[in-house]
């Protein structure tokens, strides 16, 4: 897999994405589409799953219709709605996340 797979653009300095990773010399924060990254585990939900997001000791589950699903090993794929994709942003067609990529890639 190419580290540039799913690259969308470089993060802007004022975006909250930049706060998620300590940036090491020679790298920058990039915005990537998890649905385009091989082996990310994320897929568009086509199984009418319900959102599995949970909170608190009572494990309240959201249960809204899922838009994406994440393969979670032996338990299979769990669905997540547009409000709960674990630090990612659902745009309606892409599942955006951040990644540290080496300086000198696309757009530089």
PDB file of N, CA and C in Angstrom:
ATOM      1  N   UNK A   1       0.836  -1.180   0.000  1.00  0.00           N
ATOM      2  CA  UNK A   1       0.000   0.000   0.000  1.00  0.00           C
ATOM      3  C   UNK A   1       0.881   1.244   0.000  1.00  0.00           C
ATOM      4  N   UNK A   2       0.565   2.172  -0.860  1.00  0.00           N
ATOM      5  CA  UNK A   2       1.278   3.435  -0.886  1.00  0.00           C
ATOM      6  C   UNK A   2       0.818   4.292   0.291  1.00  0.00           C
ATOM      7  N   UNK A   3       1.770   4.950   0.944  1.00  0.00           N
ATOM      8  CA  UNK A   3       1.392   5.825   2.052  1.00  0.00           C
ATOM      9  C   UNK A   3       0.536   6.995   1.584  1.00  0.00           C
ATOM     10  N   UNK A   4       0.548   7.260   0.274  1.00  0.00           N
ATOM     11  CA  UNK A   4      -0.232   8.371  -0.276  1.00  0.00           C
ATOM     12  C   UNK A   4      -1.637   7.955  -0.666  1.00  0.00           C
ATOM     13  N   UNK A   5      -1.957   6.671  -0.535  1.00  0.00           N
ATOM     14  CA  UNK A   5      -3.276   6.181  -0.886  1.00  0.00           C
ATOM     15  C   UNK A   5      -4.333   6.899  -0.049  1.00  0.00           C
ATOM     16  N   UNK A   6      -5.350   7.427  -0.708  1.00  0.00           N
ATOM     17  CA  UNK A   6      -6.417   8.135  -0.013  1.00  0.00           C
ATOM     18  C   UNK A   6      -6.108   9.584   0.295  1.00  0.00           C
ATOM     19  N   UNK A   7      -4.902  10.075  -0.123  1.00  0.00           N
ATOM     20  CA  UNK A   7      -4.539  11.471   0.137  1.00  0.00           C
ATOM     21  C   UNK A   7      -5.575  12.400  -0.470  1.00  0.00           C
ATOM     22  N   UNK A   8      -6.061  13.358   0.317  1.00  0.00           N
ATOM     23  CA  UNK A   8      -7.029  14.348  -0.158  1.00  0.00           C
ATOM     24  C   UNK A   8      -6.348  15.701  -0.292  1.00  0.00           C
ATOM     25  N   UNK A   9      -5.693  16.139   0.796  1.00  0.00           N
ATOM     26  CA  UNK A   9      -4.996  17.430   0.798  1.00  0.00           C
ATOM     27  C   UNK A   9      -4.186  17.549   2.081  1.00  0.00           C
ATOM     28  N   UNK A  10      -3.338  18.579   2.117  1.00  0.00           N
ATOM     29  CA  UNK A  10      -2.605  18.875   3.344  1.00  0.00           C
ATOM     30  C   UNK A  10      -3.524  19.638   4.289  1.00  0.00           C
ATOM     31  N   UNK A  11      -3.410  19.374   5.588  1.00  0.00           N
ATOM     32  CA  UNK A  11      -4.201  20.093   6.589  1.00  0.00           C
ATOM     33  C   UNK A  11      -3.726  21.536   6.671  1.00  0.00           C
ATOM     34  N   UNK A  12      -4.653  22.448   6.912  1.00  0.00           N
ATOM     35  CA  UNK A  12      -4.315  23.864   7.096  1.00  0.00           C
ATOM     36  C   UNK A  12      -3.880  24.066   8.553  1.00  0.00           C
ATOM     37  N   UNK A  13      -3.009  25.047   8.789  1.00  0.00           N
ATOM     38  CA  UNK A  13      -2.488  25.254  10.154  1.00  0.00           C
ATOM     39  C   UNK A  13      -3.563  25.511  11.212  1.00  0.00           C
ATOM     40  N   UNK A  14      -4.696  26.094  10.821  1.00  0.00           N
ATOM     41  CA  UNK A  14      -5.725  26.425  11.812  1.00  0.00           C
ATOM     42  C   UNK A  14      -6.790  25.335  11.977  1.00  0.00           C
ATOM     43  N   UNK A  15      -6.633  24.214  11.298  1.00  0.00           N
ATOM     44  CA  UNK A  15      -7.610  23.134  11.397  1.00  0.00           C
ATOM     45  C   UNK A  15      -7.367  22.291  12.641  1.00  0.00           C
ATOM     46  N   UNK A  16      -8.443  21.792  13.261  1.00  0.00           N
ATOM     47  CA  UNK A  16      -8.269  20.967  14.453  1.00  0.00           C
ATOM     48  C   UNK A  16      -7.529  19.656  14.184  1.00  0.00           C
ATOM     49  N   UNK A  17      -7.487  19.211  12.923  1.00  0.00           N
ATOM     50  CA  UNK A  17      -6.759  17.974  12.593  1.00  0.00           C
ATOM     51  C   UNK A  17      -5.316  18.044  13.068  1.00  0.00           C
ATOM     52  N   UNK A  18      -4.726  19.228  12.997  1.00  0.00           N
ATOM     53  CA  UNK A  18      -3.307  19.379  13.333  1.00  0.00           C
ATOM     54  C   UNK A  18      -3.033  19.065  14.802  1.00  0.00           C
ATOM     55  N   UNK A  19      -4.025  19.154  15.659  1.00  0.00           N
ATOM     56  CA  UNK A  19      -3.854  18.920  17.081  1.00  0.00           C
ATOM     57  C   UNK A  19      -3.775  17.432  17.415  1.00  0.00           C
ATOM     58  N   UNK A  20      -4.149  16.584  16.511  1.00  0.00           N
ATOM     59  CA  UNK A  20      -4.259  15.159  16.805  1.00  0.00           C
ATOM     60  C   UNK A  20      -2.944  14.399  16.751  1.00  0.00           C
ATOM     61  N   UNK A  21      -1.951  14.941  16.101  1.00  0.00           N
ATOM     62  CA  UNK A  21      -0.680  14.229  15.962  1.00  0.00           C
ATOM     63  C   UNK A  21       0.473  15.148  16.337  1.00  0.00           C
ATOM     64  N   UNK A  22       1.457  14.643  17.069  1.00  0.00           N
ATOM     65  CA  UNK A  22       2.683  15.430  17.207  1.00  0.00           C
ATOM     66  C   UNK A  22       3.408  15.338  15.864  1.00  0.00           C
ATOM     67  N   UNK A  23       3.765  16.457  15.324  1.00  0.00           N
ATOM     68  CA  UNK A  23       4.393  16.469  13.998  1.00  0.00           C
ATOM     69  C   UNK A  23       5.903  16.368  14.145  1.00  0.00           C
ATOM     70  N   UNK A  24       6.461  15.362  13.515  1.00  0.00           N
ATOM     71  CA  UNK A  24       7.900  15.120  13.555  1.00  0.00           C
ATOM     72  C   UNK A  24       8.558  15.783  12.350  1.00  0.00           C
ATOM     73  N   UNK A  25       9.831  16.134  12.495  1.00  0.00           N
ATOM     74  CA  UNK A  25      10.562  16.742  11.382  1.00  0.00           C
ATOM     75  C   UNK A  25      10.456  15.878  10.135  1.00  0.00           C
ATOM     76  N   UNK A  26      10.198  16.528   8.998  1.00  0.00           N
ATOM     77  CA  UNK A  26      10.115  15.813   7.734  1.00  0.00           C
ATOM     78  C   UNK A  26       8.723  15.302   7.405  1.00  0.00           C
ATOM     79  N   UNK A  27       7.754  15.579   8.288  1.00  0.00           N
ATOM     80  CA  UNK A  27       6.377  15.122   8.079  1.00  0.00           C
ATOM     81  C   UNK A  27       5.402  16.280   8.221  1.00  0.00           C
ATOM     82  N   UNK A  28       4.225  16.115   7.612  1.00  0.00           N
ATOM     83  CA  UNK A  28       3.133  17.080   7.740  1.00  0.00           C
ATOM     84  C   UNK A  28       1.837  16.318   7.971  1.00  0.00           C
ATOM     85  N   UNK A  29       0.847  17.030   8.504  1.00  0.00           N
ATOM     86  CA  UNK A  29      -0.465  16.424   8.706  1.00  0.00           C
ATOM     87  C   UNK A  29      -1.244  16.512   7.399  1.00  0.00           C
ATOM     88  N   UNK A  30      -1.727  15.368   6.954  1.00  0.00           N
ATOM     89  CA  UNK A  30      -2.510  15.290   5.723  1.00  0.00           C
ATOM     90  C   UNK A  30      -3.930  14.852   6.051  1.00  0.00           C
ATOM     91  N   UNK A  31      -4.872  15.258   5.224  1.00  0.00           N
ATOM     92  CA  UNK A  31      -6.241  14.782   5.311  1.00  0.00           C
ATOM     93  C   UNK A  31      -6.349  13.629   4.317  1.00  0.00           C
ATOM     94  N   UNK A  32      -6.844  12.485   4.786  1.00  0.00           N
ATOM     95  CA  UNK A  32      -6.961  11.292   3.945  1.00  0.00           C
ATOM     96  C   UNK A  32      -8.392  10.761   3.995  1.00  0.00           C
ATOM     97  N   UNK A  33      -8.770  10.043   2.952  1.00  0.00           N
ATOM     98  CA  UNK A  33     -10.075   9.397   2.887  1.00  0.00           C
ATOM     99  C   UNK A  33      -9.886   7.934   3.265  1.00  0.00           C
ATOM    100  N   UNK A  34     -10.396   7.553   4.434  1.00  0.00           N
ATOM    101  CA  UNK A  34     -10.229   6.175   4.923  1.00  0.00           C
ATOM    102  C   UNK A  34     -10.854   5.150   3.976  1.00  0.00           C
ATOM    103  N   UNK A  35     -11.879   5.544   3.231  1.00  0.00           N
ATOM    104  CA  UNK A  35     -12.533   4.613   2.312  1.00  0.00           C
ATOM    105  C   UNK A  35     -11.654   4.281   1.115  1.00  0.00           C
ATOM    106  N   UNK A  36     -10.637   5.107   0.848  1.00  0.00           N
ATOM    107  CA  UNK A  36      -9.733   4.887  -0.277  1.00  0.00           C
ATOM    108  C   UNK A  36      -8.408   4.264   0.146  1.00  0.00           C
ATOM    109  N   UNK A  37      -8.219   4.076   1.437  1.00  0.00           N
ATOM    110  CA  UNK A  37      -6.964   3.500   1.946  1.00  0.00           C
ATOM    111  C   UNK A  37      -7.123   2.000   2.121  1.00  0.00           C
ATOM    112  N   UNK A  38      -6.296   1.256   1.417  1.00  0.00           N
ATOM    113  CA  UNK A  38      -6.314  -0.201   1.496  1.00  0.00           C
ATOM    114  C   UNK A  38      -6.054  -0.652   2.935  1.00  0.00           C
ATOM    115  N   UNK A  39      -6.794  -1.618   3.392  1.00  0.00           N
ATOM    116  CA  UNK A  39      -6.650  -2.194   4.729  1.00  0.00           C
ATOM    117  C   UNK A  39      -6.975  -1.237   5.873  1.00  0.00           C
ATOM    118  N   UNK A  40      -7.741  -0.177   5.605  1.00  0.00           N
ATOM    119  CA  UNK A  40      -8.125   0.720   6.704  1.00  0.00           C
ATOM    120  C   UNK A  40      -9.194   0.073   7.575  1.00  0.00           C
ATOM    121  N   UNK A  41      -9.941  -0.877   6.997  1.00  0.00           N
ATOM    122  CA  UNK A  41     -11.015  -1.526   7.727  1.00  0.00           C
ATOM    123  C   UNK A  41     -12.355  -0.831   7.585  1.00  0.00           C
ATOM    124  N   UNK A  42     -12.368   0.386   7.017  1.00  0.00           N
ATOM    125  CA  UNK A  42     -13.598   1.164   6.863  1.00  0.00           C
ATOM    126  C   UNK A  42     -14.226   0.910   5.497  1.00  0.00           C
ATOM    127  N   UNK A  43     -15.558   0.772   5.485  1.00  0.00           N
ATOM    128  CA  UNK A  43     -16.321   0.611   4.243  1.00  0.00           C
ATOM    129  C   UNK A  43     -17.615   1.408   4.364  1.00  0.00           C
ATOM    130  N   UNK A  44     -18.233   1.706   3.228  1.00  0.00           N
ATOM    131  CA  UNK A  44     -19.571   2.298   3.248  1.00  0.00           C
ATOM    132  C   UNK A  44     -20.529   1.191   3.680  1.00  0.00           C
ATOM    133  N   UNK A  45     -21.429   1.501   4.603  1.00  0.00           N
ATOM    134  CA  UNK A  45     -22.364   0.476   5.086  1.00  0.00           C
ATOM    135  C   UNK A  45     -23.432   0.201   4.044  1.00  0.00           C
ATOM    136  N   UNK A  46     -23.570  -1.057   3.669  1.00  0.00           N
ATOM    137  CA  UNK A  46     -24.618  -1.453   2.719  1.00  0.00           C
ATOM    138  C   UNK A  46     -25.459  -2.585   3.306  1.00  0.00           C
ATOM    139  N   UNK A  47     -25.395  -2.758   4.626  1.00  0.00           N
ATOM    140  CA  UNK A  47     -26.086  -3.857   5.304  1.00  0.00           C
ATOM    141  C   UNK A  47     -27.195  -3.366   6.243  1.00  0.00           C
ATOM    142  N   UNK A  48     -27.524  -2.090   6.179  1.00  0.00           N
ATOM    143  CA  UNK A  48     -28.554  -1.506   7.062  1.00  0.00           C
ATOM    144  C   UNK A  48     -28.235  -1.726   8.540  1.00  0.00           C
ATOM    145  N   UNK A  49     -26.964  -1.581   8.892  1.00  0.00           N
ATOM    146  CA  UNK A  49     -26.563  -1.716  10.289  1.00  0.00           C
ATOM    147  C   UNK A  49     -27.044  -0.502  11.088  1.00  0.00           C
ATOM    148  N   UNK A  50     -27.024  -0.637  12.395  1.00  0.00           N
ATOM    149  CA  UNK A  50     -27.301   0.468  13.312  1.00  0.00           C
ATOM    150  C   UNK A  50     -25.978   0.905  13.927  1.00  0.00           C
ATOM    151  N   UNK A  51     -25.898   2.168  14.313  1.00  0.00           N
ATOM    152  CA  UNK A  51     -24.681   2.711  14.917  1.00  0.00           C
ATOM    153  C   UNK A  51     -24.384   2.006  16.236  1.00  0.00           C
ATOM    154  N   UNK A  52     -23.123   1.573  16.408  1.00  0.00           N
ATOM    155  CA  UNK A  52     -22.711   0.843  17.609  1.00  0.00           C
ATOM    156  C   UNK A  52     -22.001   1.732  18.630  1.00  0.00           C
ATOM    157  N   UNK A  53     -22.031   3.046  18.431  1.00  0.00           N
ATOM    158  CA  UNK A  53     -21.361   3.964  19.352  1.00  0.00           C
ATOM    159  C   UNK A  53     -21.969   3.812  20.738  1.00  0.00           C
ATOM    160  N   UNK A  54     -21.097   3.702  21.743  1.00  0.00           N
ATOM    161  CA  UNK A  54     -21.584   3.511  23.111  1.00  0.00           C
ATOM    162  C   UNK A  54     -21.000   4.559  24.043  1.00  0.00           C
ATOM    163  N   UNK A  55     -21.729   4.830  25.134  1.00  0.00           N
ATOM    164  CA  UNK A  55     -21.252   5.769  26.155  1.00  0.00           C
ATOM    165  C   UNK A  55     -21.620   5.239  27.538  1.00  0.00           C
ATOM    166  N   UNK A  56     -20.820   5.602  28.499  1.00  0.00           N
ATOM    167  CA  UNK A  56     -21.147   5.329  29.892  1.00  0.00           C
ATOM    168  C   UNK A  56     -21.152   3.868  30.286  1.00  0.00           C
ATOM    169  N   UNK A  57     -21.272   3.645  31.581  1.00  0.00           N
ATOM    170  CA  UNK A  57     -21.239   2.281  32.104  1.00  0.00           C
ATOM    171  C   UNK A  57     -22.436   1.436  31.675  1.00  0.00           C
ATOM    172  N   UNK A  58     -23.542   2.064  31.315  1.00  0.00           N
ATOM    173  CA  UNK A  58     -24.712   1.321  30.874  1.00  0.00           C
ATOM    174  C   UNK A  58     -24.632   0.904  29.417  1.00  0.00           C
ATOM    175  N   UNK A  59     -23.594   1.313  28.746  1.00  0.00           N
ATOM    176  CA  UNK A  59     -23.377   1.005  27.332  1.00  0.00           C
ATOM    177  C   UNK A  59     -24.598   1.332  26.472  1.00  0.00           C
ATOM    178  N   UNK A  60     -25.047   2.566  26.559  1.00  0.00           N
ATOM    179  CA  UNK A  60     -26.143   3.028  25.718  1.00  0.00           C
ATOM    180  C   UNK A  60     -25.643   3.059  24.282  1.00  0.00           C
ATOM    181  N   UNK A  61     -26.371   2.433  23.397  1.00  0.00           N
ATOM    182  CA  UNK A  61     -25.965   2.374  21.987  1.00  0.00           C
ATOM    183  C   UNK A  61     -26.801   3.373  21.192  1.00  0.00           C
ATOM    184  N   UNK A  62     -26.159   4.101  20.283  1.00  0.00           N
ATOM    185  CA  UNK A  62     -26.816   5.146  19.490  1.00  0.00           C
ATOM    186  C   UNK A  62     -27.995   4.593  18.677  1.00  0.00           C
ATOM    187  N   UNK A  63     -27.773   3.569  17.900  1.00  0.00           N
ATOM    188  CA  UNK A  63     -28.777   2.891  17.070  1.00  0.00           C
ATOM    189  C   UNK A  63     -29.325   3.698  15.896  1.00  0.00           C
ATOM    190  N   UNK A  64     -28.695   4.836  15.562  1.00  0.00           N
ATOM    191  CA  UNK A  64     -29.084   5.548  14.336  1.00  0.00           C
ATOM    192  C   UNK A  64     -28.630   4.715  13.143  1.00  0.00           C
ATOM    193  N   UNK A  65     -29.186   4.945  11.953  1.00  0.00           N
ATOM    194  CA  UNK A  65     -28.728   4.200  10.776  1.00  0.00           C
ATOM    195  C   UNK A  65     -27.240   4.466  10.502  1.00  0.00           C
ATOM    196  N   UNK A  66     -26.496   3.406  10.265  1.00  0.00           N
ATOM    197  CA  UNK A  66     -25.061   3.534   9.981  1.00  0.00           C
ATOM    198  C   UNK A  66     -24.833   4.008   8.552  1.00  0.00           C
ATOM    199  N   UNK A  67     -23.780   4.822   8.363  1.00  0.00           N
ATOM    200  CA  UNK A  67     -23.371   5.239   7.014  1.00  0.00           C
ATOM    201  C   UNK A  67     -22.060   4.563   6.625  1.00  0.00           C
ATOM    202  N   UNK A  68     -21.253   4.199   7.634  1.00  0.00           N
ATOM    203  CA  UNK A  68     -19.988   3.489   7.402  1.00  0.00           C
ATOM    204  C   UNK A  68     -19.894   2.338   8.396  1.00  0.00           C
ATOM    205  N   UNK A  69     -18.994   1.416   8.105  1.00  0.00           N
ATOM    206  CA  UNK A  69     -18.773   0.289   9.007  1.00  0.00           C
ATOM    207  C   UNK A  69     -17.272   0.054   9.122  1.00  0.00           C
ATOM    208  N   UNK A  70     -16.860  -0.432  10.280  1.00  0.00           N
ATOM    209  CA  UNK A  70     -15.460  -0.734  10.543  1.00  0.00           C
ATOM    210  C   UNK A  70     -15.338  -2.212  10.880  1.00  0.00           C
ATOM    211  N   UNK A  71     -14.477  -2.929  10.143  1.00  0.00           N
ATOM    212  CA  UNK A  71     -14.230  -4.336  10.451  1.00  0.00           C
ATOM    213  C   UNK A  71     -13.443  -4.418  11.745  1.00  0.00           C
ATOM    214  N   UNK A  72     -13.962  -5.172  12.702  1.00  0.00           N
ATOM    215  CA  UNK A  72     -13.385  -5.245  14.039  1.00  0.00           C
ATOM    216  C   UNK A  72     -12.986  -6.676  14.381  1.00  0.00           C
ATOM    217  N   UNK A  73     -12.252  -7.315  13.486  1.00  0.00           N
ATOM    218  CA  UNK A  73     -11.750  -8.658  13.756  1.00  0.00           C
ATOM    219  C   UNK A  73     -12.840  -9.715  13.719  1.00  0.00           C
ATOM    220  N   UNK A  74     -12.798 -10.618  14.671  1.00  0.00           N
ATOM    221  CA  UNK A  74     -13.716 -11.765  14.691  1.00  0.00           C
ATOM    222  C   UNK A  74     -15.168 -11.360  14.849  1.00  0.00           C
ATOM    223  N   UNK A  75     -15.433 -10.174  15.384  1.00  0.00           N
ATOM    224  CA  UNK A  75     -16.821  -9.743  15.592  1.00  0.00           C
ATOM    225  C   UNK A  75     -17.447  -9.176  14.324  1.00  0.00           C
ATOM    226  N   UNK A  76     -16.686  -9.098  13.249  1.00  0.00           N
ATOM    227  CA  UNK A  76     -17.214  -8.585  11.981  1.00  0.00           C
ATOM    228  C   UNK A  76     -17.212  -7.066  11.926  1.00  0.00           C
ATOM    229  N   UNK A  77     -18.077  -6.526  11.074  1.00  0.00           N
ATOM    230  CA  UNK A  77     -18.132  -5.084  10.877  1.00  0.00           C
ATOM    231  C   UNK A  77     -19.181  -4.460  11.788  1.00  0.00           C
ATOM    232  N   UNK A  78     -18.802  -3.356  12.419  1.00  0.00           N
ATOM    233  CA  UNK A  78     -19.727  -2.595  13.259  1.00  0.00           C
ATOM    234  C   UNK A  78     -20.069  -1.310  12.518  1.00  0.00           C
ATOM    235  N   UNK A  79     -21.338  -0.933  12.518  1.00  0.00           N
ATOM    236  CA  UNK A  79     -21.786   0.270  11.843  1.00  0.00           C
ATOM    237  C   UNK A  79     -21.666   1.507  12.714  1.00  0.00           C
ATOM    238  N   UNK A  80     -21.463   2.655  12.056  1.00  0.00           N
ATOM    239  CA  UNK A  80     -21.393   3.946  12.743  1.00  0.00           C
ATOM    240  C   UNK A  80     -22.134   4.990  11.917  1.00  0.00           C
ATOM    241  N   UNK A  81     -22.921   5.823  12.600  1.00  0.00           N
ATOM    242  CA  UNK A  81     -23.679   6.879  11.914  1.00  0.00           C
ATOM    243  C   UNK A  81     -22.761   8.059  11.597  1.00  0.00           C
ATOM    244  N   UNK A  82     -23.309   9.062  10.904  1.00  0.00           N
ATOM    245  CA  UNK A  82     -22.500  10.218  10.490  1.00  0.00           C
ATOM    246  C   UNK A  82     -21.988  11.029  11.673  1.00  0.00           C
ATOM    247  N   UNK A  83     -22.598  10.893  12.842  1.00  0.00           N
ATOM    248  CA  UNK A  83     -22.163  11.658  14.014  1.00  0.00           C
ATOM    249  C   UNK A  83     -21.098  10.942  14.844  1.00  0.00           C
ATOM    250  N   UNK A  84     -20.879   9.659  14.620  1.00  0.00           N
ATOM    251  CA  UNK A  84     -19.995   8.888  15.498  1.00  0.00           C
ATOM    252  C   UNK A  84     -18.929   8.048  14.781  1.00  0.00           C
ATOM    253  N   UNK A  85     -18.214   8.587  13.811  1.00  0.00           N
ATOM    254  CA  UNK A  85     -17.185   7.755  13.150  1.00  0.00           C
ATOM    255  C   UNK A  85     -15.800   7.832  13.807  1.00  0.00           C
ATOM    256  N   UNK A  86     -15.767   7.925  15.138  1.00  0.00           N
ATOM    257  CA  UNK A  86     -14.517   7.861  15.900  1.00  0.00           C
ATOM    258  C   UNK A  86     -13.401   8.782  15.400  1.00  0.00           C
ATOM    259  N   UNK A  87     -13.613  10.084  15.546  1.00  0.00           N
ATOM    260  CA  UNK A  87     -12.578  11.055  15.200  1.00  0.00           C
ATOM    261  C   UNK A  87     -12.428  11.314  13.716  1.00  0.00           C
ATOM    262  N   UNK A  88     -13.294  10.726  12.929  1.00  0.00           N
ATOM    263  CA  UNK A  88     -13.274  10.948  11.488  1.00  0.00           C
ATOM    264  C   UNK A  88     -14.480  11.797  11.123  1.00  0.00           C
ATOM    265  N   UNK A  89     -14.493  12.306   9.902  1.00  0.00           N
ATOM    266  CA  UNK A  89     -15.596  13.162   9.460  1.00  0.00           C
ATOM    267  C   UNK A  89     -16.239  12.563   8.218  1.00  0.00           C
ATOM    268  N   UNK A  90     -17.530  12.292   8.292  1.00  0.00           N
ATOM    269  CA  UNK A  90     -18.281  11.780   7.150  1.00  0.00           C
ATOM    270  C   UNK A  90     -18.761  12.960   6.325  1.00  0.00           C
ATOM    271  N   UNK A  91     -18.454  12.972   5.020  1.00  0.00           N
ATOM    272  CA  UNK A  91     -18.845  14.084   4.150  1.00  0.00           C
ATOM    273  C   UNK A  91     -20.040  13.733   3.274  1.00  0.00           C
ATOM    274  N   UNK A  92     -20.493  12.518   3.337  1.00  0.00           N
ATOM    275  CA  UNK A  92     -21.554  12.046   2.457  1.00  0.00           C
ATOM    276  C   UNK A  92     -21.008  11.138   1.370  1.00  0.00           C
ATOM    277  N   UNK A  93     -19.716  11.290   1.061  1.00  0.00           N
ATOM    278  CA  UNK A  93     -19.057  10.432   0.071  1.00  0.00           C
ATOM    279  C   UNK A  93     -17.673   9.963   0.535  1.00  0.00           C
ATOM    280  N   UNK A  94     -17.092  10.667   1.505  1.00  0.00           N
ATOM    281  CA  UNK A  94     -15.749  10.353   1.992  1.00  0.00           C
ATOM    282  C   UNK A  94     -15.758  10.265   3.508  1.00  0.00           C
ATOM    283  N   UNK A  95     -14.821   9.497   4.050  1.00  0.00           N
ATOM    284  CA  UNK A  95     -14.621   9.413   5.492  1.00  0.00           C
ATOM    285  C   UNK A  95     -13.237   9.985   5.777  1.00  0.00           C
ATOM    286  N   UNK A  96     -13.207  11.261   6.168  1.00  0.00           N
ATOM    287  CA  UNK A  96     -11.940  11.965   6.319  1.00  0.00           C
ATOM    288  C   UNK A  96     -11.312  11.729   7.678  1.00  0.00           C
ATOM    289  N   UNK A  97      -9.995  11.608   7.648  1.00  0.00           N
ATOM    290  CA  UNK A  97      -9.198  11.406   8.844  1.00  0.00           C
ATOM    291  C   UNK A  97      -7.873  12.134   8.625  1.00  0.00           C
ATOM    292  N   UNK A  98      -7.000  12.095   9.619  1.00  0.00           N
ATOM    293  CA  UNK A  98      -5.690  12.713   9.454  1.00  0.00           C
ATOM    294  C   UNK A  98      -4.597  11.655   9.546  1.00  0.00           C
ATOM    295  N   UNK A  99      -3.478  11.943   8.910  1.00  0.00           N
ATOM    296  CA  UNK A  99      -2.333  11.036   8.931  1.00  0.00           C
ATOM    297  C   UNK A  99      -1.056  11.858   8.790  1.00  0.00           C
ATOM    298  N   UNK A 100       0.022  11.389   9.368  1.00  0.00           N
ATOM    299  CA  UNK A 100       1.317  12.034   9.165  1.00  0.00           C
ATOM    300  C   UNK A 100       1.951  11.448   7.916  1.00  0.00           C
ATOM    301  N   UNK A 101       2.253  12.319   6.949  1.00  0.00           N
ATOM    302  CA  UNK A 101       2.898  11.873   5.713  1.00  0.00           C
ATOM    303  C   UNK A 101       4.169  12.684   5.483  1.00  0.00           C
ATOM    304  N   UNK A 102       5.137  12.105   4.778  1.00  0.00           N
ATOM    305  CA  UNK A 102       6.409  12.807   4.572  1.00  0.00           C
ATOM    306  C   UNK A 102       6.257  14.046   3.700  1.00  0.00           C
ATOM    307  N   UNK A 103       7.026  15.071   4.050  1.00  0.00           N
ATOM    308  CA  UNK A 103       7.085  16.292   3.257  1.00  0.00           C
ATOM    309  C   UNK A 103       7.600  15.950   1.875  1.00  0.00           C
ATOM    310  N   UNK A 104       7.096  16.634   0.866  1.00  0.00           N
ATOM    311  CA  UNK A 104       7.560  16.402  -0.501  1.00  0.00           C
ATOM    312  C   UNK A 104       6.594  15.571  -1.323  1.00  0.00           C
ATOM    313  N   UNK A 105       5.434  15.333  -0.805  1.00  0.00           N
ATOM    314  CA  UNK A 105       4.438  14.547  -1.528  1.00  0.00           C
ATOM    315  C   UNK A 105       3.556  15.418  -2.397  1.00  0.00           C
ATOM    316  N   UNK A 106       2.348  14.956  -2.677  1.00  0.00           N
ATOM    317  CA  UNK A 106       1.422  15.685  -3.543  1.00  0.00           C
ATOM    318  C   UNK A 106       1.192  17.120  -3.097  1.00  0.00           C
ATOM    319  N   UNK A 107       1.123  18.014  -4.055  1.00  0.00           N
ATOM    320  CA  UNK A 107       0.815  19.405  -3.773  1.00  0.00           C
ATOM    321  C   UNK A 107       1.966  20.222  -3.235  1.00  0.00           C
ATOM    322  N   UNK A 108       3.176  19.650  -3.201  1.00  0.00           N
ATOM    323  CA  UNK A 108       4.320  20.428  -2.698  1.00  0.00           C
ATOM    324  C   UNK A 108       5.347  20.618  -3.775  1.00  0.00           C
TER     325      UNK A 108
END
